[in-house]
Structure formats: C-alpha cells, structure tokens
Amino acid sequence: MDEIEKLADIFKVLSDPTRLRLVKLLSDCEPGVCKGGPLCVNALAHRLGVTQSAVSQHLRILRQAGLVRGARHGPFMHYALDPDGFDKYKTALRETLGEDFL
C-alpha cells in the first residue's frame, strides 16, 4: 500500500464525527492536561452521550488504525491516544503533501 492509500485510510477512520469526538476527548485528557488521564469506555460513553457498545466499536477502529491504545487497570481498560500512531500519520502527510501543508 502506498502513502496515498494509507492517508486515505486514516481519513476514512477519522471521517466519523463520533470518532473525531473520541480523539478530541482523549487528547483533552492526556496526562498533565486532564486530571484523570486515560478514560474507560463507561466514562467515554457518558461524556459523549452514546452507548458503551458504540464507544467500544469506535475504539476498536481507532485501535486498529494505531491511533488509540488501551491499558488494563484492574477490571477496566483505559484508553489514551497513541502519540506514535499520530506521528506516523503526520510524517506521511508531511512527506506526501509537503511542509507547508502542516
């Protein structure tokens, strides 16, 4: 798969409004920015006003794209953005579209 196809895939992943809201919420709750840090599915569902199953499905897609990571804390999975995943796509955007684009 070439860079253009990879970028098109990530744009597809981020084209859903709920997924964009999840990314924004998780970026606002990064350690040092938000008191709580990573969030569990229940907290994300509550803050977004959607069902837990909907959040889980969207998180699955974001995890498969490498944008979100989960870590188990007791019985709960807590989710945060994966900065390495975002850096990979930023680099691909910069290489494909040039420095002026970003």
PDB file of N, CA and C in Angstrom:
ATOM      1  N   MET A   1       0.855  -1.177   0.000  1.00  0.00           N
ATOM      2  CA  MET A   1       0.000   0.000   0.000  1.00  0.00           C
ATOM      3  C   MET A   1       0.897   1.235   0.000  1.00  0.00           C
ATOM      4  N   ASP A   2       0.624   2.172  -0.880  1.00  0.00           N
ATOM      5  CA  ASP A   2       1.468   3.365  -0.930  1.00  0.00           C
ATOM      6  C   ASP A   2       0.971   4.418   0.074  1.00  0.00           C
ATOM      7  N   GLU A   3       1.720   5.496   0.193  1.00  0.00           N
ATOM      8  CA  GLU A   3       1.423   6.537   1.189  1.00  0.00           C
ATOM      9  C   GLU A   3       0.047   7.169   0.980  1.00  0.00           C
ATOM     10  N   ILE A   4      -0.335   7.378  -0.266  1.00  0.00           N
ATOM     11  CA  ILE A   4      -1.637   7.992  -0.548  1.00  0.00           C
ATOM     12  C   ILE A   4      -2.761   7.101  -0.036  1.00  0.00           C
ATOM     13  N   GLU A   5      -2.637   5.801  -0.257  1.00  0.00           N
ATOM     14  CA  GLU A   5      -3.673   4.876   0.219  1.00  0.00           C
ATOM     15  C   GLU A   5      -3.711   4.835   1.742  1.00  0.00           C
ATOM     16  N   LYS A   6      -2.552   4.887   2.391  1.00  0.00           N
ATOM     17  CA  LYS A   6      -2.502   4.905   3.855  1.00  0.00           C
ATOM     18  C   LYS A   6      -3.184   6.154   4.400  1.00  0.00           C
ATOM     19  N   LEU A   7      -2.905   7.287   3.773  1.00  0.00           N
ATOM     20  CA  LEU A   7      -3.533   8.533   4.213  1.00  0.00           C
ATOM     21  C   LEU A   7      -5.036   8.504   3.980  1.00  0.00           C
ATOM     22  N   ALA A   8      -5.463   7.961   2.855  1.00  0.00           N
ATOM     23  CA  ALA A   8      -6.896   7.850   2.583  1.00  0.00           C
ATOM     24  C   ALA A   8      -7.570   6.983   3.643  1.00  0.00           C
ATOM     25  N   ASP A   9      -6.912   5.905   4.047  1.00  0.00           N
ATOM     26  CA  ASP A   9      -7.469   5.036   5.085  1.00  0.00           C
ATOM     27  C   ASP A   9      -7.624   5.771   6.410  1.00  0.00           C
ATOM     28  N   ILE A  10      -6.625   6.570   6.791  1.00  0.00           N
ATOM     29  CA  ILE A  10      -6.736   7.274   8.067  1.00  0.00           C
ATOM     30  C   ILE A  10      -7.809   8.350   7.992  1.00  0.00           C
ATOM     31  N   PHE A  11      -7.949   8.975   6.838  1.00  0.00           N
ATOM     32  CA  PHE A  11      -9.030   9.959   6.686  1.00  0.00           C
ATOM     33  C   PHE A  11     -10.390   9.276   6.797  1.00  0.00           C
ATOM     34  N   LYS A  12     -10.501   8.065   6.295  1.00  0.00           N
ATOM     35  CA  LYS A  12     -11.757   7.310   6.438  1.00  0.00           C
ATOM     36  C   LYS A  12     -12.039   7.030   7.905  1.00  0.00           C
ATOM     37  N   VAL A  13     -11.008   6.625   8.634  1.00  0.00           N
ATOM     38  CA  VAL A  13     -11.178   6.337  10.060  1.00  0.00           C
ATOM     39  C   VAL A  13     -11.645   7.589  10.800  1.00  0.00           C
ATOM     40  N   LEU A  14     -11.068   8.720  10.474  1.00  0.00           N
ATOM     41  CA  LEU A  14     -11.387   9.962  11.175  1.00  0.00           C
ATOM     42  C   LEU A  14     -12.590  10.699  10.592  1.00  0.00           C
ATOM     43  N   SER A  15     -13.216  10.145   9.567  1.00  0.00           N
ATOM     44  CA  SER A  15     -14.344  10.838   8.931  1.00  0.00           C
ATOM     45  C   SER A  15     -15.640  10.726   9.725  1.00  0.00           C
ATOM     46  N   ASP A  16     -15.678   9.857  10.719  1.00  0.00           N
ATOM     47  CA  ASP A  16     -16.877   9.695  11.532  1.00  0.00           C
ATOM     48  C   ASP A  16     -16.872  10.725  12.669  1.00  0.00           C
ATOM     49  N   PRO A  17     -17.955  11.482  12.847  1.00  0.00           N
ATOM     50  CA  PRO A  17     -17.981  12.510  13.900  1.00  0.00           C
ATOM     51  C   PRO A  17     -17.763  11.956  15.308  1.00  0.00           C
ATOM     52  N   THR A  18     -18.299  10.784  15.609  1.00  0.00           N
ATOM     53  CA  THR A  18     -18.112  10.217  16.947  1.00  0.00           C
ATOM     54  C   THR A  18     -16.651   9.860  17.178  1.00  0.00           C
ATOM     55  N   ARG A  19     -15.987   9.325  16.172  1.00  0.00           N
ATOM     56  CA  ARG A  19     -14.566   9.006  16.328  1.00  0.00           C
ATOM     57  C   ARG A  19     -13.737  10.273  16.507  1.00  0.00           C
ATOM     58  N   LEU A  20     -14.086  11.321  15.773  1.00  0.00           N
ATOM     59  CA  LEU A  20     -13.370  12.592  15.963  1.00  0.00           C
ATOM     60  C   LEU A  20     -13.606  13.137  17.365  1.00  0.00           C
ATOM     61  N   ARG A  21     -14.829  13.013  17.867  1.00  0.00           N
ATOM     62  CA  ARG A  21     -15.111  13.451  19.239  1.00  0.00           C
ATOM     63  C   ARG A  21     -14.303  12.626  20.248  1.00  0.00           C
ATOM     64  N   LEU A  22     -14.199  11.321  20.007  1.00  0.00           N
ATOM     65  CA  LEU A  22     -13.387  10.467  20.883  1.00  0.00           C
ATOM     66  C   LEU A  22     -11.928  10.920  20.885  1.00  0.00           C
ATOM     67  N   VAL A  23     -11.381  11.164  19.712  1.00  0.00           N
ATOM     68  CA  VAL A  23      -9.992  11.612  19.607  1.00  0.00           C
ATOM     69  C   VAL A  23      -9.812  12.935  20.344  1.00  0.00           C
ATOM     70  N   LYS A  24     -10.737  13.856  20.159  1.00  0.00           N
ATOM     71  CA  LYS A  24     -10.660  15.159  20.842  1.00  0.00           C
ATOM     72  C   LYS A  24     -10.750  14.983  22.351  1.00  0.00           C
ATOM     73  N   LEU A  25     -11.697  14.168  22.808  1.00  0.00           N
ATOM     74  CA  LEU A  25     -11.851  13.922  24.242  1.00  0.00           C
ATOM     75  C   LEU A  25     -10.593  13.280  24.830  1.00  0.00           C
ATOM     76  N   LEU A  26     -10.047  12.302  24.141  1.00  0.00           N
ATOM     77  CA  LEU A  26      -8.825  11.651  24.627  1.00  0.00           C
ATOM     78  C   LEU A  26      -7.636  12.606  24.593  1.00  0.00           C
ATOM     79  N   SER A  27      -7.577  13.485  23.612  1.00  0.00           N
ATOM     80  CA  SER A  27      -6.466  14.439  23.559  1.00  0.00           C
ATOM     81  C   SER A  27      -6.587  15.459  24.691  1.00  0.00           C
ATOM     82  N   ASP A  28      -7.820  15.796  25.078  1.00  0.00           N
ATOM     83  CA  ASP A  28      -8.028  16.717  26.189  1.00  0.00           C
ATOM     84  C   ASP A  28      -7.709  16.057  27.530  1.00  0.00           C
ATOM     85  N   CYS A  29      -7.713  14.735  27.589  1.00  0.00           N
ATOM     86  CA  CYS A  29      -7.497  14.003  28.838  1.00  0.00           C
ATOM     87  C   CYS A  29      -6.138  13.323  28.896  1.00  0.00           C
ATOM     88  N   GLU A  30      -5.192  13.803  28.147  1.00  0.00           N
ATOM     89  CA  GLU A  30      -3.837  13.275  28.241  1.00  0.00           C
ATOM     90  C   GLU A  30      -3.256  13.644  29.602  1.00  0.00           C
ATOM     91  N   PRO A  31      -2.390  12.811  30.156  1.00  0.00           N
ATOM     92  CA  PRO A  31      -1.775  13.120  31.447  1.00  0.00           C
ATOM     93  C   PRO A  31      -1.116  14.497  31.432  1.00  0.00           C
ATOM     94  N   GLY A  32      -1.330  15.226  32.500  1.00  0.00           N
ATOM     95  CA  GLY A  32      -0.785  16.579  32.583  1.00  0.00           C
ATOM     96  C   GLY A  32      -1.740  17.627  32.049  1.00  0.00           C
ATOM     97  N   VAL A  33      -2.722  17.205  31.247  1.00  0.00           N
ATOM     98  CA  VAL A  33      -3.712  18.134  30.699  1.00  0.00           C
ATOM     99  C   VAL A  33      -5.030  17.975  31.453  1.00  0.00           C
ATOM    100  N   CYS A  34      -5.404  16.745  31.697  1.00  0.00           N
ATOM    101  CA  CYS A  34      -6.664  16.401  32.339  1.00  0.00           C
ATOM    102  C   CYS A  34      -6.343  15.647  33.626  1.00  0.00           C
ATOM    103  N   LYS A  35      -7.057  15.933  34.675  1.00  0.00           N
ATOM    104  CA  LYS A  35      -6.787  15.315  35.970  1.00  0.00           C
ATOM    105  C   LYS A  35      -6.841  13.793  35.910  1.00  0.00           C
ATOM    106  N   GLY A  36      -7.772  13.244  35.146  1.00  0.00           N
ATOM    107  CA  GLY A  36      -7.979  11.808  35.147  1.00  0.00           C
ATOM    108  C   GLY A  36      -7.048  10.996  34.272  1.00  0.00           C
ATOM    109  N   GLY A  37      -6.475  11.557  33.246  1.00  0.00           N
ATOM    110  CA  GLY A  37      -5.657  10.782  32.319  1.00  0.00           C
ATOM    111  C   GLY A  37      -6.515   9.892  31.440  1.00  0.00           C
ATOM    112  N   PRO A  38      -6.042   8.696  31.082  1.00  0.00           N
ATOM    113  CA  PRO A  38      -6.801   7.796  30.209  1.00  0.00           C
ATOM    114  C   PRO A  38      -8.183   7.494  30.784  1.00  0.00           C
ATOM    115  N   LEU A  39      -9.142   7.230  29.893  1.00  0.00           N
ATOM    116  CA  LEU A  39     -10.537   7.025  30.284  1.00  0.00           C
ATOM    117  C   LEU A  39     -11.028   5.638  29.904  1.00  0.00           C
ATOM    118  N   CYS A  40     -11.940   5.100  30.706  1.00  0.00           N
ATOM    119  CA  CYS A  40     -12.556   3.813  30.391  1.00  0.00           C
ATOM    120  C   CYS A  40     -13.751   4.031  29.462  1.00  0.00           C
ATOM    121  N   VAL A  41     -14.264   2.945  28.911  1.00  0.00           N
ATOM    122  CA  VAL A  41     -15.382   3.009  27.964  1.00  0.00           C
ATOM    123  C   VAL A  41     -16.589   3.687  28.599  1.00  0.00           C
ATOM    124  N   ASN A  42     -16.880   3.357  29.855  1.00  0.00           N
ATOM    125  CA  ASN A  42     -18.038   3.937  30.519  1.00  0.00           C
ATOM    126  C   ASN A  42     -17.913   5.460  30.626  1.00  0.00           C
ATOM    127  N   ALA A  43     -16.747   5.945  31.011  1.00  0.00           N
ATOM    128  CA  ALA A  43     -16.532   7.386  31.120  1.00  0.00           C
ATOM    129  C   ALA A  43     -16.635   8.060  29.754  1.00  0.00           C
ATOM    130  N   LEU A  44     -16.067   7.423  28.738  1.00  0.00           N
ATOM    131  CA  LEU A  44     -16.150   7.984  27.384  1.00  0.00           C
ATOM    132  C   LEU A  44     -17.595   8.033  26.907  1.00  0.00           C
ATOM    133  N   ALA A  45     -18.338   6.946  27.135  1.00  0.00           N
ATOM    134  CA  ALA A  45     -19.741   6.898  26.715  1.00  0.00           C
ATOM    135  C   ALA A  45     -20.542   7.983  27.415  1.00  0.00           C
ATOM    136  N   HIS A  46     -20.313   8.146  28.702  1.00  0.00           N
ATOM    137  CA  HIS A  46     -21.037   9.159  29.473  1.00  0.00           C
ATOM    138  C   HIS A  46     -20.740  10.565  28.953  1.00  0.00           C
ATOM    139  N   ARG A  47     -19.479  10.852  28.724  1.00  0.00           N
ATOM    140  CA  ARG A  47     -19.082  12.196  28.269  1.00  0.00           C
ATOM    141  C   ARG A  47     -19.555  12.491  26.849  1.00  0.00           C
ATOM    142  N   LEU A  48     -19.651  11.446  26.024  1.00  0.00           N
ATOM    143  CA  LEU A  48     -20.075  11.650  24.631  1.00  0.00           C
ATOM    144  C   LEU A  48     -21.583  11.518  24.452  1.00  0.00           C
ATOM    145  N   GLY A  49     -22.255  10.934  25.437  1.00  0.00           N
ATOM    146  CA  GLY A  49     -23.697  10.752  25.328  1.00  0.00           C
ATOM    147  C   GLY A  49     -24.084   9.668  24.334  1.00  0.00           C
ATOM    148  N   VAL A  50     -23.255   8.628  24.221  1.00  0.00           N
ATOM    149  CA  VAL A  50     -23.556   7.491  23.345  1.00  0.00           C
ATOM    150  C   VAL A  50     -23.441   6.210  24.179  1.00  0.00           C
ATOM    151  N   THR A  51     -23.859   5.098  23.607  1.00  0.00           N
ATOM    152  CA  THR A  51     -23.825   3.837  24.339  1.00  0.00           C
ATOM    153  C   THR A  51     -22.397   3.318  24.476  1.00  0.00           C
ATOM    154  N   GLN A  52     -22.195   2.460  25.480  1.00  0.00           N
ATOM    155  CA  GLN A  52     -20.885   1.850  25.670  1.00  0.00           C
ATOM    156  C   GLN A  52     -20.504   0.971  24.484  1.00  0.00           C
ATOM    157  N   SER A  53     -21.495   0.287  23.907  1.00  0.00           N
ATOM    158  CA  SER A  53     -21.174  -0.570  22.763  1.00  0.00           C
ATOM    159  C   SER A  53     -20.734   0.262  21.563  1.00  0.00           C
ATOM    160  N   ALA A  54     -21.340   1.428  21.372  1.00  0.00           N
ATOM    161  CA  ALA A  54     -20.928   2.305  20.265  1.00  0.00           C
ATOM    162  C   ALA A  54     -19.491   2.785  20.491  1.00  0.00           C
ATOM    163  N   VAL A  55     -19.185   3.176  21.722  1.00  0.00           N
ATOM    164  CA  VAL A  55     -17.828   3.629  22.033  1.00  0.00           C
ATOM    165  C   VAL A  55     -16.837   2.495  21.788  1.00  0.00           C
ATOM    166  N   SER A  56     -17.179   1.294  22.230  1.00  0.00           N
ATOM    167  CA  SER A  56     -16.290   0.148  22.034  1.00  0.00           C
ATOM    168  C   SER A  56     -16.006  -0.107  20.561  1.00  0.00           C
ATOM    169  N   GLN A  57     -17.029  -0.019  19.736  1.00  0.00           N
ATOM    170  CA  GLN A  57     -16.845  -0.238  18.298  1.00  0.00           C
ATOM    171  C   GLN A  57     -15.946   0.839  17.685  1.00  0.00           C
ATOM    172  N   HIS A  58     -16.162   2.076  18.068  1.00  0.00           N
ATOM    173  CA  HIS A  58     -15.325   3.163  17.541  1.00  0.00           C
ATOM    174  C   HIS A  58     -13.886   3.038  18.035  1.00  0.00           C
ATOM    175  N   LEU A  59     -13.713   2.655  19.303  1.00  0.00           N
ATOM    176  CA  LEU A  59     -12.361   2.454  19.829  1.00  0.00           C
ATOM    177  C   LEU A  59     -11.646   1.322  19.104  1.00  0.00           C
ATOM    178  N   ARG A  60     -12.378   0.281  18.756  1.00  0.00           N
ATOM    179  CA  ARG A  60     -11.782  -0.838  18.022  1.00  0.00           C
ATOM    180  C   ARG A  60     -11.201  -0.344  16.698  1.00  0.00           C
ATOM    181  N   ILE A  61     -11.953   0.479  15.998  1.00  0.00           N
ATOM    182  CA  ILE A  61     -11.498   1.014  14.710  1.00  0.00           C
ATOM    183  C   ILE A  61     -10.288   1.922  14.909  1.00  0.00           C
ATOM    184  N   LEU A  62     -10.335   2.761  15.924  1.00  0.00           N
ATOM    185  CA  LEU A  62      -9.203   3.651  16.204  1.00  0.00           C
ATOM    186  C   LEU A  62      -7.961   2.869  16.637  1.00  0.00           C
ATOM    187  N   ARG A  63      -8.157   1.792  17.402  1.00  0.00           N
ATOM    188  CA  ARG A  63      -7.019   0.944  17.803  1.00  0.00           C
ATOM    189  C   ARG A  63      -6.409   0.260  16.586  1.00  0.00           C
ATOM    190  N   GLN A  64      -7.254  -0.270  15.704  1.00  0.00           N
ATOM    191  CA  GLN A  64      -6.748  -0.941  14.502  1.00  0.00           C
ATOM    192  C   GLN A  64      -5.952   0.016  13.627  1.00  0.00           C
ATOM    193  N   ALA A  65      -6.323   1.284  13.642  1.00  0.00           N
ATOM    194  CA  ALA A  65      -5.599   2.288  12.861  1.00  0.00           C
ATOM    195  C   ALA A  65      -4.329   2.750  13.570  1.00  0.00           C
ATOM    196  N   GLY A  66      -4.142   2.331  14.814  1.00  0.00           N
ATOM    197  CA  GLY A  66      -2.955   2.708  15.563  1.00  0.00           C
ATOM    198  C   GLY A  66      -3.030   4.077  16.203  1.00  0.00           C
ATOM    199  N   LEU A  67      -4.241   4.613  16.365  1.00  0.00           N
ATOM    200  CA  LEU A  67      -4.393   5.953  16.921  1.00  0.00           C
ATOM    201  C   LEU A  67      -4.684   5.951  18.419  1.00  0.00           C
ATOM    202  N   VAL A  68      -5.169   4.831  18.931  1.00  0.00           N
ATOM    203  CA  VAL A  68      -5.554   4.723  20.336  1.00  0.00           C
ATOM    204  C   VAL A  68      -4.932   3.453  20.908  1.00  0.00           C
ATOM    205  N   ARG A  69      -4.577   3.507  22.177  1.00  0.00           N
ATOM    206  CA  ARG A  69      -4.069   2.313  22.858  1.00  0.00           C
ATOM    207  C   ARG A  69      -4.850   2.128  24.158  1.00  0.00           C
ATOM    208  N   GLY A  70      -4.929   0.895  24.594  1.00  0.00           N
ATOM    209  CA  GLY A  70      -5.633   0.582  25.831  1.00  0.00           C
ATOM    210  C   GLY A  70      -4.690  -0.061  26.823  1.00  0.00           C
ATOM    211  N   ALA A  71      -4.950   0.184  28.100  1.00  0.00           N
ATOM    212  CA  ALA A  71      -4.168  -0.429  29.173  1.00  0.00           C
ATOM    213  C   ALA A  71      -5.140  -0.875  30.262  1.00  0.00           C
ATOM    214  N   ARG A  72      -4.950  -2.089  30.734  1.00  0.00           N
ATOM    215  CA  ARG A  72      -5.835  -2.629  31.755  1.00  0.00           C
ATOM    216  C   ARG A  72      -5.451  -2.071  33.121  1.00  0.00           C
ATOM    217  N   HIS A  73      -6.467  -1.567  33.827  1.00  0.00           N
ATOM    218  CA  HIS A  73      -6.340  -1.100  35.200  1.00  0.00           C
ATOM    219  C   HIS A  73      -7.405  -1.821  36.004  1.00  0.00           C
ATOM    220  N   GLY A  74      -6.999  -2.881  36.685  1.00  0.00           N
ATOM    221  CA  GLY A  74      -7.981  -3.716  37.386  1.00  0.00           C
ATOM    222  C   GLY A  74      -8.904  -4.353  36.369  1.00  0.00           C
ATOM    223  N   PRO A  75     -10.200  -4.265  36.597  1.00  0.00           N
ATOM    224  CA  PRO A  75     -11.146  -4.887  35.660  1.00  0.00           C
ATOM    225  C   PRO A  75     -11.450  -4.031  34.422  1.00  0.00           C
ATOM    226  N   PHE A  76     -10.911  -2.824  34.366  1.00  0.00           N
ATOM    227  CA  PHE A  76     -11.266  -1.889  33.304  1.00  0.00           C
ATOM    228  C   PHE A  76     -10.102  -1.645  32.339  1.00  0.00           C
ATOM    229  N   MET A  77     -10.458  -1.413  31.091  1.00  0.00           N
ATOM    230  CA  MET A  77      -9.493  -0.947  30.092  1.00  0.00           C
ATOM    231  C   MET A  77      -9.601   0.573  30.045  1.00  0.00           C
ATOM    232  N   HIS A  78      -8.474   1.236  30.101  1.00  0.00           N
ATOM    233  CA  HIS A  78      -8.427   2.686  29.987  1.00  0.00           C
ATOM    234  C   HIS A  78      -7.745   3.025  28.663  1.00  0.00           C
ATOM    235  N   TYR A  79      -8.306   3.998  27.968  1.00  0.00           N
ATOM    236  CA  TYR A  79      -7.842   4.324  26.624  1.00  0.00           C
ATOM    237  C   TYR A  79      -7.217   5.713  26.582  1.00  0.00           C
ATOM    238  N   ALA A  80      -6.190   5.814  25.761  1.00  0.00           N
ATOM    239  CA  ALA A  80      -5.482   7.075  25.535  1.00  0.00           C
ATOM    240  C   ALA A  80      -5.050   7.117  24.078  1.00  0.00           C
ATOM    241  N   LEU A  81      -4.716   8.296  23.607  1.00  0.00           N
ATOM    242  CA  LEU A  81      -4.182   8.416  22.255  1.00  0.00           C
ATOM    243  C   LEU A  81      -2.808   7.764  22.197  1.00  0.00           C
ATOM    244  N   ASP A  82      -2.479   7.243  21.045  1.00  0.00           N
ATOM    245  CA  ASP A  82      -1.154   6.678  20.816  1.00  0.00           C
ATOM    246  C   ASP A  82      -0.341   7.712  20.039  1.00  0.00           C
ATOM    247  N   PRO A  83       0.532   8.442  20.719  1.00  0.00           N
ATOM    248  CA  PRO A  83       1.272   9.503  20.028  1.00  0.00           C
ATOM    249  C   PRO A  83       2.128   8.983  18.887  1.00  0.00           C
ATOM    250  N   ASP A  84       2.651   7.759  19.007  1.00  0.00           N
ATOM    251  CA  ASP A  84       3.457   7.194  17.927  1.00  0.00           C
ATOM    252  C   ASP A  84       2.619   7.009  16.668  1.00  0.00           C
ATOM    253  N   GLY A  85       1.377   6.594  16.832  1.00  0.00           N
ATOM    254  CA  GLY A  85       0.472   6.418  15.694  1.00  0.00           C
ATOM    255  C   GLY A  85       0.199   7.737  14.992  1.00  0.00           C
ATOM    256  N   PHE A  86      -0.065   8.778  15.785  1.00  0.00           N
ATOM    257  CA  PHE A  86      -0.314  10.085  15.186  1.00  0.00           C
ATOM    258  C   PHE A  86       0.929  10.636  14.513  1.00  0.00           C
ATOM    259  N   ASP A  87       2.084  10.423  15.110  1.00  0.00           N
ATOM    260  CA  ASP A  87       3.333  10.901  14.500  1.00  0.00           C
ATOM    261  C   ASP A  87       3.576  10.231  13.157  1.00  0.00           C
ATOM    262  N   LYS A  88       3.252   8.946  13.072  1.00  0.00           N
ATOM    263  CA  LYS A  88       3.431   8.215  11.820  1.00  0.00           C
ATOM    264  C   LYS A  88       2.601   8.851  10.707  1.00  0.00           C
ATOM    265  N   TYR A  89       1.347   9.201  11.029  1.00  0.00           N
ATOM    266  CA  TYR A  89       0.484   9.794  10.009  1.00  0.00           C
ATOM    267  C   TYR A  89       0.875  11.230   9.700  1.00  0.00           C
ATOM    268  N   LYS A  90       1.349  11.959  10.703  1.00  0.00           N
ATOM    269  CA  LYS A  90       1.831  13.321  10.454  1.00  0.00           C
ATOM    270  C   LYS A  90       3.025  13.288   9.503  1.00  0.00           C
ATOM    271  N   THR A  91       3.919  12.349   9.735  1.00  0.00           N
ATOM    272  CA  THR A  91       5.087  12.204   8.865  1.00  0.00           C
ATOM    273  C   THR A  91       4.659  11.863   7.446  1.00  0.00           C
ATOM    274  N   ALA A  92       3.717  10.945   7.312  1.00  0.00           N
ATOM    275  CA  ALA A  92       3.229  10.563   5.980  1.00  0.00           C
ATOM    276  C   ALA A  92       2.568  11.751   5.289  1.00  0.00           C
ATOM    277  N   LEU A  93       1.787  12.545   6.023  1.00  0.00           N
ATOM    278  CA  LEU A  93       1.166  13.744   5.442  1.00  0.00           C
ATOM    279  C   LEU A  93       2.232  14.734   4.977  1.00  0.00           C
ATOM    280  N   ARG A  94       3.211  14.951   5.833  1.00  0.00           N
ATOM    281  CA  ARG A  94       4.274  15.900   5.508  1.00  0.00           C
ATOM    282  C   ARG A  94       5.053  15.446   4.275  1.00  0.00           C
ATOM    283  N   GLU A  95       5.384  14.150   4.201  1.00  0.00           N
ATOM    284  CA  GLU A  95       6.134  13.630   3.060  1.00  0.00           C
ATOM    285  C   GLU A  95       5.312  13.671   1.776  1.00  0.00           C
ATOM    286  N   THR A  96       4.021  13.448   1.889  1.00  0.00           N
ATOM    287  CA  THR A  96       3.171  13.397   0.697  1.00  0.00           C
ATOM    288  C   THR A  96       2.761  14.782   0.228  1.00  0.00           C
ATOM    289  N   LEU A  97       2.396  15.666   1.166  1.00  0.00           N
ATOM    290  CA  LEU A  97       1.831  16.952   0.799  1.00  0.00           C
ATOM    291  C   LEU A  97       2.772  18.123   1.006  1.00  0.00           C
ATOM    292  N   GLY A  98       3.891  17.888   1.661  1.00  0.00           N
ATOM    293  CA  GLY A  98       4.881  18.945   1.860  1.00  0.00           C
ATOM    294  C   GLY A  98       4.755  19.635   3.199  1.00  0.00           C
ATOM    295  N   GLU A  99       5.806  20.317   3.584  1.00  0.00           N
ATOM    296  CA  GLU A  99       5.881  21.021   4.870  1.00  0.00           C
ATOM    297  C   GLU A  99       4.825  22.103   5.012  1.00  0.00           C
ATOM    298  N   ASP A 100       4.502  22.793   3.940  1.00  0.00           N
ATOM    299  CA  ASP A 100       3.553  23.906   4.020  1.00  0.00           C
ATOM    300  C   ASP A 100       2.147  23.458   4.378  1.00  0.00           C
ATOM    301  N   PHE A 101       1.855  22.182   4.140  1.00  0.00           N
ATOM    302  CA  PHE A 101       0.519  21.671   4.430  1.00  0.00           C
ATOM    303  C   PHE A 101       0.283  21.596   5.922  1.00  0.00           C
ATOM    304  N   LEU A 102       1.292  21.225   6.673  1.00  0.00           N
ATOM    305  CA  LEU A 102       1.133  21.084   8.126  1.00  0.00           C
ATOM    306  C   LEU A 102       1.652  22.307   8.765  1.00  0.00           C
TER     307      LEU A 102
END
